[in-house]
Amino acid sequence: MGLRPVRITFTGGNDPTGQGRKWGVPKSLLVSTLDAKLHCGELRFAKELLAAEAPRDELQNFQRHVSQSGRMLFEHRSGQHNDLIFAIAMPLWWTISRHKQNLTTYYGVVGMY
């Protein structure tokens, strides 16, 4: 079918590591990328999307806090899920980080449309 899957493993730290189609990406980077694109309006849920409430609910129940050791923790509230958050965040990060130069060349502007 022409698919070229990318393996992304959630890691700690600050910088992604890897090459080709195998990457370790800090959870904080995935979440902050998604957060930034939603807050500036470059990524939106279509009003017509029947299932738009599910990721919206997950985002509302997603917690970010600092541990006693100073590490950022990202987790869902007890009894809640965060799989849709990362299902959106991983391809968003991949598109932005790996194809930024191609998007700039093709569209003349970097962004999600």
N, C-alpha and C. Protein backbone atom coordinates (compact mmCIF):
# COMPACT_ATOMS: atom_id res chain seq x y z
N MET A 1 0.81 -1.19 0.00
CA MET A 1 0.00 0.00 0.00
C MET A 1 0.85 1.26 0.00
N GLY A 2 2.14 1.11 0.01
CA GLY A 2 3.01 2.27 -0.04
C GLY A 2 3.23 2.95 1.30
N LEU A 3 2.81 2.32 2.38
CA LEU A 3 3.00 2.91 3.70
C LEU A 3 4.45 2.77 4.15
N ARG A 4 4.93 3.78 4.86
CA ARG A 4 6.29 3.76 5.40
C ARG A 4 6.22 4.11 6.87
N PRO A 5 5.88 3.14 7.73
CA PRO A 5 5.70 3.44 9.15
C PRO A 5 6.96 3.98 9.82
N VAL A 6 6.74 4.78 10.84
CA VAL A 6 7.82 5.34 11.65
C VAL A 6 7.59 4.84 13.08
N ARG A 7 8.66 4.33 13.71
CA ARG A 7 8.55 3.89 15.10
C ARG A 7 8.99 5.03 16.00
N ILE A 8 8.10 5.43 16.90
CA ILE A 8 8.41 6.47 17.86
C ILE A 8 8.24 5.89 19.26
N THR A 9 9.31 5.96 20.03
CA THR A 9 9.30 5.53 21.42
C THR A 9 9.31 6.76 22.30
N PHE A 10 8.42 6.81 23.30
CA PHE A 10 8.40 7.94 24.22
C PHE A 10 9.61 7.85 25.12
N THR A 11 10.29 8.99 25.29
CA THR A 11 11.48 9.04 26.14
C THR A 11 11.39 10.23 27.08
N GLY A 12 12.34 10.31 27.98
CA GLY A 12 12.50 11.50 28.82
C GLY A 12 13.50 12.41 28.13
N GLY A 13 14.02 13.33 28.85
CA GLY A 13 15.03 14.22 28.28
C GLY A 13 14.42 15.36 27.52
N ASN A 14 15.26 15.99 26.67
CA ASN A 14 14.83 17.18 25.94
C ASN A 14 14.88 17.05 24.43
N ASP A 15 15.72 16.15 23.93
CA ASP A 15 15.94 16.09 22.49
C ASP A 15 15.58 14.73 21.91
N PRO A 16 15.01 14.73 20.71
CA PRO A 16 14.75 13.46 20.05
C PRO A 16 16.06 12.80 19.61
N THR A 17 16.05 11.49 19.59
CA THR A 17 17.21 10.74 19.12
C THR A 17 16.73 9.71 18.12
N GLY A 18 17.59 9.39 17.19
CA GLY A 18 17.25 8.36 16.23
C GLY A 18 17.69 8.74 14.85
N GLN A 19 17.28 7.91 13.93
CA GLN A 19 17.58 8.17 12.52
C GLN A 19 16.62 7.37 11.68
N GLY A 20 16.51 7.77 10.44
CA GLY A 20 15.62 7.05 9.53
C GLY A 20 14.20 7.02 10.04
N ARG A 21 13.69 5.81 10.28
CA ARG A 21 12.30 5.64 10.66
C ARG A 21 12.14 5.10 12.08
N LYS A 22 13.21 5.24 12.91
CA LYS A 22 13.16 4.81 14.31
C LYS A 22 13.63 5.95 15.20
N TRP A 23 12.73 6.45 16.06
CA TRP A 23 13.02 7.63 16.86
C TRP A 23 12.59 7.45 18.30
N GLY A 24 13.34 8.07 19.20
CA GLY A 24 12.96 8.24 20.59
C GLY A 24 12.67 9.71 20.77
N VAL A 25 11.45 10.02 21.17
CA VAL A 25 11.03 11.42 21.27
C VAL A 25 10.53 11.69 22.69
N PRO A 26 11.04 12.73 23.33
CA PRO A 26 10.55 13.07 24.67
C PRO A 26 9.05 13.34 24.66
N LYS A 27 8.37 12.76 25.62
CA LYS A 27 6.93 12.97 25.75
C LYS A 27 6.62 14.46 25.86
N SER A 28 7.49 15.19 26.56
CA SER A 28 7.27 16.63 26.73
C SER A 28 7.30 17.36 25.39
N LEU A 29 8.14 16.93 24.46
CA LEU A 29 8.22 17.55 23.14
C LEU A 29 6.95 17.26 22.34
N LEU A 30 6.47 16.03 22.42
CA LEU A 30 5.23 15.69 21.71
C LEU A 30 4.06 16.52 22.22
N VAL A 31 3.94 16.61 23.54
CA VAL A 31 2.83 17.35 24.14
C VAL A 31 2.96 18.84 23.87
N SER A 32 4.15 19.40 23.99
CA SER A 32 4.31 20.84 23.77
C SER A 32 4.07 21.22 22.30
N THR A 33 4.46 20.35 21.38
CA THR A 33 4.20 20.60 19.96
C THR A 33 2.70 20.64 19.69
N LEU A 34 1.98 19.66 20.22
CA LEU A 34 0.53 19.62 20.06
C LEU A 34 -0.12 20.84 20.72
N ASP A 35 0.30 21.13 21.93
CA ASP A 35 -0.22 22.30 22.66
C ASP A 35 -0.04 23.59 21.87
N ALA A 36 1.15 23.79 21.35
CA ALA A 36 1.46 25.02 20.62
C ALA A 36 0.59 25.16 19.38
N LYS A 37 0.45 24.09 18.62
CA LYS A 37 -0.33 24.17 17.38
C LYS A 37 -1.81 24.38 17.66
N LEU A 38 -2.32 23.80 18.75
CA LEU A 38 -3.72 24.03 19.12
C LEU A 38 -3.93 25.46 19.60
N HIS A 39 -3.03 25.96 20.43
CA HIS A 39 -3.19 27.29 21.00
C HIS A 39 -3.05 28.41 19.98
N CYS A 40 -2.22 28.23 18.98
CA CYS A 40 -2.07 29.29 17.99
C CYS A 40 -3.07 29.14 16.84
N GLY A 41 -3.86 28.08 16.86
CA GLY A 41 -4.90 27.90 15.86
C GLY A 41 -4.46 27.24 14.57
N GLU A 42 -3.21 26.78 14.51
CA GLU A 42 -2.74 26.11 13.30
C GLU A 42 -3.28 24.68 13.19
N LEU A 43 -3.73 24.14 14.31
CA LEU A 43 -4.35 22.82 14.34
C LEU A 43 -5.69 22.97 15.04
N ARG A 44 -6.75 22.55 14.37
CA ARG A 44 -8.09 22.69 14.93
C ARG A 44 -8.88 21.41 14.66
N PHE A 45 -9.89 21.17 15.47
CA PHE A 45 -10.82 20.07 15.23
C PHE A 45 -11.97 20.62 14.40
N ALA A 46 -12.25 19.96 13.30
CA ALA A 46 -13.34 20.40 12.43
C ALA A 46 -14.68 20.29 13.17
N LYS A 47 -15.53 21.28 13.03
CA LYS A 47 -16.85 21.25 13.68
C LYS A 47 -17.67 20.06 13.21
N GLU A 48 -17.45 19.64 11.97
CA GLU A 48 -18.21 18.55 11.39
C GLU A 48 -17.72 17.17 11.85
N LEU A 49 -16.58 17.12 12.51
CA LEU A 49 -16.00 15.86 12.96
C LEU A 49 -16.86 15.28 14.07
N LEU A 50 -17.47 14.14 13.80
CA LEU A 50 -18.39 13.55 14.76
C LEU A 50 -17.70 13.14 16.06
N ALA A 51 -16.45 12.73 15.97
CA ALA A 51 -15.73 12.24 17.15
C ALA A 51 -14.84 13.30 17.78
N ALA A 52 -15.06 14.57 17.49
CA ALA A 52 -14.19 15.63 17.99
C ALA A 52 -14.22 15.76 19.51
N GLU A 53 -15.28 15.33 20.14
CA GLU A 53 -15.38 15.45 21.59
C GLU A 53 -14.39 14.54 22.30
N ALA A 54 -14.07 13.39 21.74
CA ALA A 54 -13.18 12.43 22.40
C ALA A 54 -11.77 13.01 22.62
N PRO A 55 -11.09 13.52 21.57
CA PRO A 55 -9.77 14.10 21.84
C PRO A 55 -9.85 15.36 22.69
N ARG A 56 -10.92 16.14 22.54
CA ARG A 56 -11.09 17.33 23.37
C ARG A 56 -11.19 16.95 24.85
N ASP A 57 -11.96 15.91 25.14
CA ASP A 57 -12.09 15.43 26.52
C ASP A 57 -10.76 14.94 27.06
N GLU A 58 -10.02 14.19 26.22
CA GLU A 58 -8.71 13.70 26.65
C GLU A 58 -7.76 14.85 26.96
N LEU A 59 -7.78 15.87 26.13
CA LEU A 59 -6.90 17.01 26.37
C LEU A 59 -7.27 17.73 27.68
N GLN A 60 -8.55 17.80 27.98
CA GLN A 60 -8.98 18.44 29.22
C GLN A 60 -8.59 17.61 30.44
N ASN A 61 -8.51 16.29 30.28
CA ASN A 61 -8.18 15.41 31.41
C ASN A 61 -6.68 15.10 31.49
N PHE A 62 -5.91 15.68 30.61
CA PHE A 62 -4.47 15.42 30.58
C PHE A 62 -3.78 16.34 31.56
N GLN A 63 -2.92 15.78 32.40
CA GLN A 63 -2.26 16.58 33.43
C GLN A 63 -0.78 16.73 33.14
N ARG A 64 -0.29 17.93 33.37
CA ARG A 64 1.14 18.22 33.27
C ARG A 64 1.56 18.77 34.63
N HIS A 65 2.58 18.18 35.23
CA HIS A 65 3.07 18.71 36.49
C HIS A 65 4.53 18.34 36.69
N VAL A 66 5.15 18.98 37.66
CA VAL A 66 6.56 18.77 37.95
C VAL A 66 6.68 17.85 39.16
N SER A 67 7.52 16.83 39.03
CA SER A 67 7.73 15.89 40.14
C SER A 67 8.61 16.54 41.21
N GLN A 68 8.75 15.87 42.34
CA GLN A 68 9.58 16.39 43.42
C GLN A 68 11.04 16.50 42.99
N SER A 69 11.45 15.66 42.03
CA SER A 69 12.84 15.71 41.55
C SER A 69 13.04 16.75 40.45
N GLY A 70 11.95 17.45 40.06
CA GLY A 70 12.06 18.49 39.06
C GLY A 70 11.78 18.05 37.63
N ARG A 71 11.35 16.81 37.45
CA ARG A 71 11.04 16.31 36.10
C ARG A 71 9.59 16.63 35.75
N MET A 72 9.37 16.96 34.48
CA MET A 72 8.01 17.19 34.01
C MET A 72 7.34 15.84 33.81
N LEU A 73 6.12 15.72 34.31
CA LEU A 73 5.34 14.49 34.15
C LEU A 73 4.10 14.80 33.33
N PHE A 74 3.77 13.91 32.43
CA PHE A 74 2.60 14.06 31.57
C PHE A 74 1.80 12.78 31.69
N GLU A 75 0.58 12.90 32.20
CA GLU A 75 -0.22 11.71 32.40
C GLU A 75 -1.70 12.07 32.40
N HIS A 76 -2.50 11.05 32.24
CA HIS A 76 -3.94 11.25 32.26
C HIS A 76 -4.45 11.08 33.69
N ARG A 77 -5.58 11.68 33.96
CA ARG A 77 -6.19 11.53 35.28
C ARG A 77 -6.62 10.09 35.47
N SER A 78 -6.72 9.68 36.68
CA SER A 78 -7.13 8.31 36.99
C SER A 78 -8.45 7.99 36.32
N GLY A 79 -8.49 6.86 35.65
CA GLY A 79 -9.71 6.43 34.97
C GLY A 79 -9.89 7.04 33.59
N GLN A 80 -8.94 7.85 33.14
CA GLN A 80 -9.03 8.50 31.84
C GLN A 80 -7.96 7.94 30.91
N HIS A 81 -8.05 8.29 29.64
CA HIS A 81 -7.10 7.80 28.64
C HIS A 81 -6.38 8.98 27.99
N ASN A 82 -5.23 8.69 27.35
CA ASN A 82 -4.51 9.72 26.60
C ASN A 82 -4.03 9.20 25.26
N ASP A 83 -4.58 8.08 24.80
CA ASP A 83 -4.10 7.50 23.55
C ASP A 83 -4.39 8.37 22.34
N LEU A 84 -5.52 9.07 22.32
CA LEU A 84 -5.82 9.94 21.18
C LEU A 84 -4.89 11.14 21.14
N ILE A 85 -4.49 11.63 22.31
CA ILE A 85 -3.56 12.76 22.36
C ILE A 85 -2.27 12.39 21.63
N PHE A 86 -1.73 11.22 21.94
CA PHE A 86 -0.47 10.82 21.32
C PHE A 86 -0.66 10.32 19.88
N ALA A 87 -1.85 9.85 19.55
CA ALA A 87 -2.15 9.49 18.16
C ALA A 87 -2.13 10.72 17.27
N ILE A 88 -2.42 11.88 17.84
CA ILE A 88 -2.36 13.14 17.10
C ILE A 88 -0.95 13.74 17.19
N ALA A 89 -0.35 13.67 18.38
CA ALA A 89 0.94 14.31 18.63
C ALA A 89 2.09 13.69 17.84
N MET A 90 2.10 12.36 17.70
CA MET A 90 3.23 11.71 17.01
C MET A 90 3.32 12.09 15.53
N PRO A 91 2.25 11.95 14.74
CA PRO A 91 2.38 12.36 13.33
C PRO A 91 2.57 13.87 13.16
N LEU A 92 2.03 14.64 14.10
CA LEU A 92 2.24 16.09 14.06
C LEU A 92 3.72 16.40 14.24
N TRP A 93 4.34 15.81 15.25
CA TRP A 93 5.77 16.01 15.48
C TRP A 93 6.58 15.55 14.26
N TRP A 94 6.25 14.38 13.74
CA TRP A 94 6.99 13.83 12.59
C TRP A 94 6.90 14.77 11.39
N THR A 95 5.71 15.23 11.11
CA THR A 95 5.51 16.13 9.97
C THR A 95 6.30 17.42 10.13
N ILE A 96 6.22 18.01 11.30
CA ILE A 96 6.91 19.28 11.53
C ILE A 96 8.42 19.11 11.53
N SER A 97 8.90 18.12 12.28
CA SER A 97 10.35 18.00 12.46
C SER A 97 11.07 17.43 11.24
N ARG A 98 10.48 16.50 10.56
CA ARG A 98 11.18 15.82 9.48
C ARG A 98 10.93 16.44 8.11
N HIS A 99 9.85 17.16 7.96
CA HIS A 99 9.52 17.68 6.63
C HIS A 99 9.43 19.20 6.60
N LYS A 100 9.97 19.84 7.61
CA LYS A 100 9.91 21.30 7.68
C LYS A 100 10.54 21.95 6.45
N GLN A 101 11.68 21.47 6.05
CA GLN A 101 12.36 22.04 4.89
C GLN A 101 11.54 21.80 3.62
N ASN A 102 10.97 20.62 3.47
CA ASN A 102 10.16 20.33 2.28
C ASN A 102 8.91 21.20 2.25
N LEU A 103 8.27 21.40 3.42
CA LEU A 103 7.08 22.25 3.46
C LEU A 103 7.41 23.68 3.10
N THR A 104 8.54 24.17 3.58
CA THR A 104 8.95 25.53 3.27
C THR A 104 9.18 25.69 1.78
N THR A 105 9.86 24.73 1.19
CA THR A 105 10.14 24.78 -0.24
C THR A 105 8.85 24.70 -1.05
N TYR A 106 7.95 23.80 -0.66
CA TYR A 106 6.73 23.57 -1.44
C TYR A 106 5.68 24.67 -1.25
N TYR A 107 5.42 25.01 0.01
CA TYR A 107 4.36 25.98 0.28
C TYR A 107 4.87 27.41 0.45
N GLY A 108 6.14 27.56 0.74
CA GLY A 108 6.69 28.89 1.00
C GLY A 108 6.46 29.32 2.44
N VAL A 109 5.71 28.53 3.20
CA VAL A 109 5.43 28.82 4.60
C VAL A 109 5.42 27.50 5.36
N VAL A 110 5.90 27.53 6.59
CA VAL A 110 5.85 26.33 7.40
C VAL A 110 4.60 26.40 8.26
N GLY A 111 3.84 25.33 8.29
CA GLY A 111 2.65 25.29 9.14
C GLY A 111 1.78 24.13 8.78
N MET A 112 0.81 23.88 9.60
CA MET A 112 -0.16 22.83 9.36
C MET A 112 -1.39 23.46 8.75
N TYR A 113 -1.86 22.94 7.66
CA TYR A 113 -3.02 23.51 6.98
C TYR A 113 -4.15 22.51 6.92
